Each structure stands twice: as structure tokens, then as C-alpha cells.
C-alpha atoms as a PDB file:
ATOM      1  CA  UNK A   1      -0.453  24.837 -15.413  1.00  0.00           C
ATOM      2  CA  UNK A   2       2.536  22.517 -15.410  1.00  0.00           C
ATOM      3  CA  UNK A   3       1.958  18.821 -14.700  1.00  0.00           C
ATOM      4  CA  UNK A   4       4.908  16.836 -13.392  1.00  0.00           C
ATOM      5  CA  UNK A   5       4.409  13.318 -14.757  1.00  0.00           C
ATOM      6  CA  UNK A   6       7.384  11.967 -12.804  1.00  0.00           C
ATOM      7  CA  UNK A   7       5.861  13.132  -9.519  1.00  0.00           C
ATOM      8  CA  UNK A   8       2.491  11.624 -10.477  1.00  0.00           C
ATOM      9  CA  UNK A   9       3.995   8.209 -11.205  1.00  0.00           C
ATOM     10  CA  UNK A  10       6.141   8.377  -8.050  1.00  0.00           C
ATOM     11  CA  UNK A  11       3.118   9.174  -5.901  1.00  0.00           C
ATOM     12  CA  UNK A  12       1.128   6.396  -7.553  1.00  0.00           C
ATOM     13  CA  UNK A  13       3.993   3.954  -6.958  1.00  0.00           C
ATOM     14  CA  UNK A  14       4.303   4.970  -3.301  1.00  0.00           C
ATOM     15  CA  UNK A  15       0.696   5.484  -2.243  1.00  0.00           C
ATOM     16  CA  UNK A  16      -1.612   3.376  -4.455  1.00  0.00           C
ATOM     17  CA  UNK A  17      -1.137   0.045  -2.670  1.00  0.00           C
ATOM     18  CA  UNK A  18      -1.524   1.295   0.927  1.00  0.00           C
ATOM     19  CA  UNK A  19      -4.483   3.506   0.034  1.00  0.00           C
ATOM     20  CA  UNK A  20      -6.156   0.605  -1.800  1.00  0.00           C
ATOM     21  CA  UNK A  21      -5.654  -1.683   1.197  1.00  0.00           C
ATOM     22  CA  UNK A  22      -7.161   0.905   3.542  1.00  0.00           C
ATOM     23  CA  UNK A  23     -10.131   1.641   1.249  1.00  0.00           C
ATOM     24  CA  UNK A  24     -10.906  -2.049   0.674  1.00  0.00           C
ATOM     25  CA  UNK A  25     -10.747  -2.681   4.426  1.00  0.00           C
ATOM     26  CA  UNK A  26     -13.021   0.281   5.086  1.00  0.00           C
ATOM     27  CA  UNK A  27     -15.548  -0.874   2.489  1.00  0.00           C
ATOM     28  CA  UNK A  28     -15.591  -4.407   3.955  1.00  0.00           C
ATOM     29  CA  UNK A  29     -16.129  -2.951   7.395  1.00  0.00           C
ATOM     30  CA  UNK A  30     -19.012  -0.782   6.207  1.00  0.00           C
ATOM     31  CA  UNK A  31     -20.604  -3.652   4.265  1.00  0.00           C
ATOM     32  CA  UNK A  32     -20.435  -6.026   7.229  1.00  0.00           C
ATOM     33  CA  UNK A  33     -21.689  -3.380   9.640  1.00  0.00           C
ATOM     34  CA  UNK A  34     -24.694  -2.513   7.455  1.00  0.00           C
ATOM     35  CA  UNK A  35     -25.817  -6.156   7.111  1.00  0.00           C
ATOM     36  CA  UNK A  36     -29.387  -6.699   8.278  1.00  0.00           C
ATOM     37  CA  UNK A  37     -30.544 -10.161   9.343  1.00  0.00           C
ATOM     38  CA  UNK A  38     -33.364 -11.827   7.470  1.00  0.00           C
ATOM     39  CA  UNK A  39     -31.721 -13.742   4.655  1.00  0.00           C
ATOM     40  CA  UNK A  40     -32.612 -17.049   6.243  1.00  0.00           C
ATOM     41  CA  UNK A  41     -31.415 -19.117   9.164  1.00  0.00           C
ATOM     42  CA  UNK A  42     -28.227 -20.331   7.446  1.00  0.00           C
ATOM     43  CA  UNK A  43     -27.235 -16.855   6.287  1.00  0.00           C
ATOM     44  CA  UNK A  44     -27.897 -15.387   9.720  1.00  0.00           C
ATOM     45  CA  UNK A  45     -25.884 -18.128  11.445  1.00  0.00           C
ATOM     46  CA  UNK A  46     -22.976 -17.695   9.015  1.00  0.00           C
ATOM     47  CA  UNK A  47     -22.977 -13.932   9.429  1.00  0.00           C
ATOM     48  CA  UNK A  48     -23.123 -14.275  13.213  1.00  0.00           C
ATOM     49  CA  UNK A  49     -20.063 -16.523  13.148  1.00  0.00           C
ATOM     50  CA  UNK A  50     -18.064 -14.612  10.514  1.00  0.00           C
ATOM     51  CA  UNK A  51     -18.973 -11.022  11.400  1.00  0.00           C
ATOM     52  CA  UNK A  52     -16.416 -10.532  14.237  1.00  0.00           C
ATOM     53  CA  UNK A  53     -13.645 -12.045  12.119  1.00  0.00           C
ATOM     54  CA  UNK A  54     -14.455  -9.782   9.178  1.00  0.00           C
ATOM     55  CA  UNK A  55     -14.711  -6.678  11.366  1.00  0.00           C
ATOM     56  CA  UNK A  56     -11.408  -7.318  13.158  1.00  0.00           C
ATOM     57  CA  UNK A  57      -9.717  -8.298   9.886  1.00  0.00           C
ATOM     58  CA  UNK A  58     -10.896  -5.132   8.173  1.00  0.00           C
ATOM     59  CA  UNK A  59      -9.811  -3.074  11.192  1.00  0.00           C
ATOM     60  CA  UNK A  60      -6.360  -4.695  10.994  1.00  0.00           C
ATOM     61  CA  UNK A  61      -6.179  -3.999   7.264  1.00  0.00           C
ATOM     62  CA  UNK A  62      -7.103  -0.371   7.886  1.00  0.00           C
ATOM     63  CA  UNK A  63      -4.366  -0.035  10.526  1.00  0.00           C
ATOM     64  CA  UNK A  64      -1.739  -1.729   8.315  1.00  0.00           C
ATOM     65  CA  UNK A  65      -2.725   0.351   5.272  1.00  0.00           C
ATOM     66  CA  UNK A  66      -2.625   3.580   7.274  1.00  0.00           C
ATOM     67  CA  UNK A  67       0.758   2.712   8.779  1.00  0.00           C
ATOM     68  CA  UNK A  68       2.174   1.760   5.390  1.00  0.00           C
ATOM     69  CA  UNK A  69       0.859   5.012   3.905  1.00  0.00           C
ATOM     70  CA  UNK A  70       2.386   7.043   6.759  1.00  0.00           C
ATOM     71  CA  UNK A  71       5.742   5.268   6.368  1.00  0.00           C
ATOM     72  CA  UNK A  72       5.838   5.992   2.628  1.00  0.00           C
ATOM     73  CA  UNK A  73       4.867   9.607   3.284  1.00  0.00           C
ATOM     74  CA  UNK A  74       7.704   9.889   5.810  1.00  0.00           C
ATOM     75  CA  UNK A  75      10.167   8.386   3.295  1.00  0.00           C
ATOM     76  CA  UNK A  76       9.027  10.846   0.622  1.00  0.00           C
ATOM     77  CA  UNK A  77       9.431  13.760   3.053  1.00  0.00           C
ATOM     78  CA  UNK A  78      12.954  12.657   3.992  1.00  0.00           C
ATOM     79  CA  UNK A  79      13.913  12.117   0.340  1.00  0.00           C
ATOM     80  CA  UNK A  80      12.617  15.547  -0.734  1.00  0.00           C
ATOM     81  CA  UNK A  81      14.585  17.247   2.065  1.00  0.00           C
ATOM     82  CA  UNK A  82      17.813  15.367   1.252  1.00  0.00           C
ATOM     83  CA  UNK A  83      17.895  13.360   4.482  1.00  0.00           C
ATOM     84  CA  UNK A  84      17.323   9.961   2.861  1.00  0.00           C
ATOM     85  CA  UNK A  85      20.368   8.338   1.330  1.00  0.00           C
ATOM     86  CA  UNK A  86      19.249   5.368  -0.723  1.00  0.00           C
ATOM     87  CA  UNK A  87      20.846   3.059  -3.240  1.00  0.00           C
ATOM     88  CA  UNK A  88      19.608   4.657  -6.471  1.00  0.00           C
ATOM     89  CA  UNK A  89      22.356   6.115  -8.661  1.00  0.00           C
ATOM     90  CA  UNK A  90      19.973   8.503 -10.432  1.00  0.00           C
ATOM     91  CA  UNK A  91      18.133  10.205  -7.585  1.00  0.00           C
ATOM     92  CA  UNK A  92      19.408   8.753  -4.306  1.00  0.00           C
ATOM     93  CA  UNK A  93      16.039   7.256  -3.372  1.00  0.00           C
ATOM     94  CA  UNK A  94      15.345   3.967  -1.597  1.00  0.00           C
ATOM     95  CA  UNK A  95      15.324   0.811  -3.711  1.00  0.00           C
ATOM     96  CA  UNK A  96      13.375  -2.457  -3.700  1.00  0.00           C
ATOM     97  CA  UNK A  97      15.250  -5.701  -4.262  1.00  0.00           C
ATOM     98  CA  UNK A  98      13.449  -7.939  -6.735  1.00  0.00           C
ATOM     99  CA  UNK A  99      14.052 -11.127  -8.692  1.00  0.00           C
ATOM    100  CA  UNK A 100      13.204 -11.056 -12.366  1.00  0.00           C
ATOM    101  CA  UNK A 101      13.567 -13.102 -15.480  1.00  0.00           C
ATOM    102  CA  UNK A 102      17.281 -12.377 -15.817  1.00  0.00           C
ATOM    103  CA  UNK A 103      18.199 -12.494 -12.133  1.00  0.00           C
ATOM    104  CA  UNK A 104      18.262 -10.128  -9.206  1.00  0.00           C
ATOM    105  CA  UNK A 105      17.770  -6.403  -9.734  1.00  0.00           C
ATOM    106  CA  UNK A 106      17.049  -3.259  -7.743  1.00  0.00           C
ATOM    107  CA  UNK A 107      14.236  -0.843  -8.577  1.00  0.00           C
ATOM    108  CA  UNK A 108      14.037   2.690  -7.183  1.00  0.00           C
ATOM    109  CA  UNK A 109      10.848   3.653  -5.368  1.00  0.00           C
ATOM    110  CA  UNK A 110      11.210   7.323  -6.281  1.00  0.00           C
ATOM    111  CA  UNK A 111      12.266   7.510  -9.938  1.00  0.00           C
ATOM    112  CA  UNK A 112      11.499   3.947 -11.093  1.00  0.00           C
ATOM    113  CA  UNK A 113      15.024   3.336 -12.405  1.00  0.00           C
ATOM    114  CA  UNK A 114      16.383  -0.215 -12.436  1.00  0.00           C
ATOM    115  CA  UNK A 115      19.853  -1.586 -11.899  1.00  0.00           C
ATOM    116  CA  UNK A 116      21.083  -5.156 -12.132  1.00  0.00           C
ATOM    117  CA  UNK A 117      22.013  -6.772  -8.822  1.00  0.00           C
ATOM    118  CA  UNK A 118      21.051  -5.825  -5.297  1.00  0.00           C
ATOM    119  CA  UNK A 119      22.537  -2.587  -3.963  1.00  0.00           C
END
């Protein structure tokens, strides 16, 4: 069995944040939905007022996380088939433009390589 560490780190870099957002939103939704009244009049009044906001917010987070995940999956598919021409000199993948301690730099989303300046 051969384990490709580069592919593991690439998949973690691409899919960890959107999956975390979707899972946190889902857990908030389930926690709010399973709330049973009886913690006192103040707790019941607060939950009555906040419950719709939390449910709609968690639904929005689930939609955004799912869309972000699908977009990254589509980028990975295009990159693996050679249809995505990005700014990385090593692998041709898409890059993020960041500001660091020593100025602006670009970081590849696929291989993790960095390059000074924005390209």
C-alpha cells in the first residue's frame, strides 16, 4: 500500500476548512433543534428569540460550506485533468495571494509552494 503524502496534504488544504464549516453548522442546527424547554422562563424566552436566528445562520453556514467544498472539488478535478492553468511554477495550480512578514507572496493551493510577489 502506497500512501501519497502530497495528495493527503493537498486534500487537507483544500477540503478541511469547508468541511469544518459545514460540520459545525450542522452540529449547531442539531443542538438547537433538539433543545427542550424547561430551563426556566429566561432561558425559554432567550431560546425562543434566538432559535430562528441560529437555525437560519447554521443553514446558511451549511450552504456556504457545501458550495465552497464543491468549488474546491471542481478546481481539483480541473487541475488533475490539465484544464486549470494557474500561477504556480511547480505544478500549474491556482495560487492564493497573501501578505506576510516580508511582504506579499503567493502560495499554491495544490502543492503548497510559495513565491515572492503576487502572480
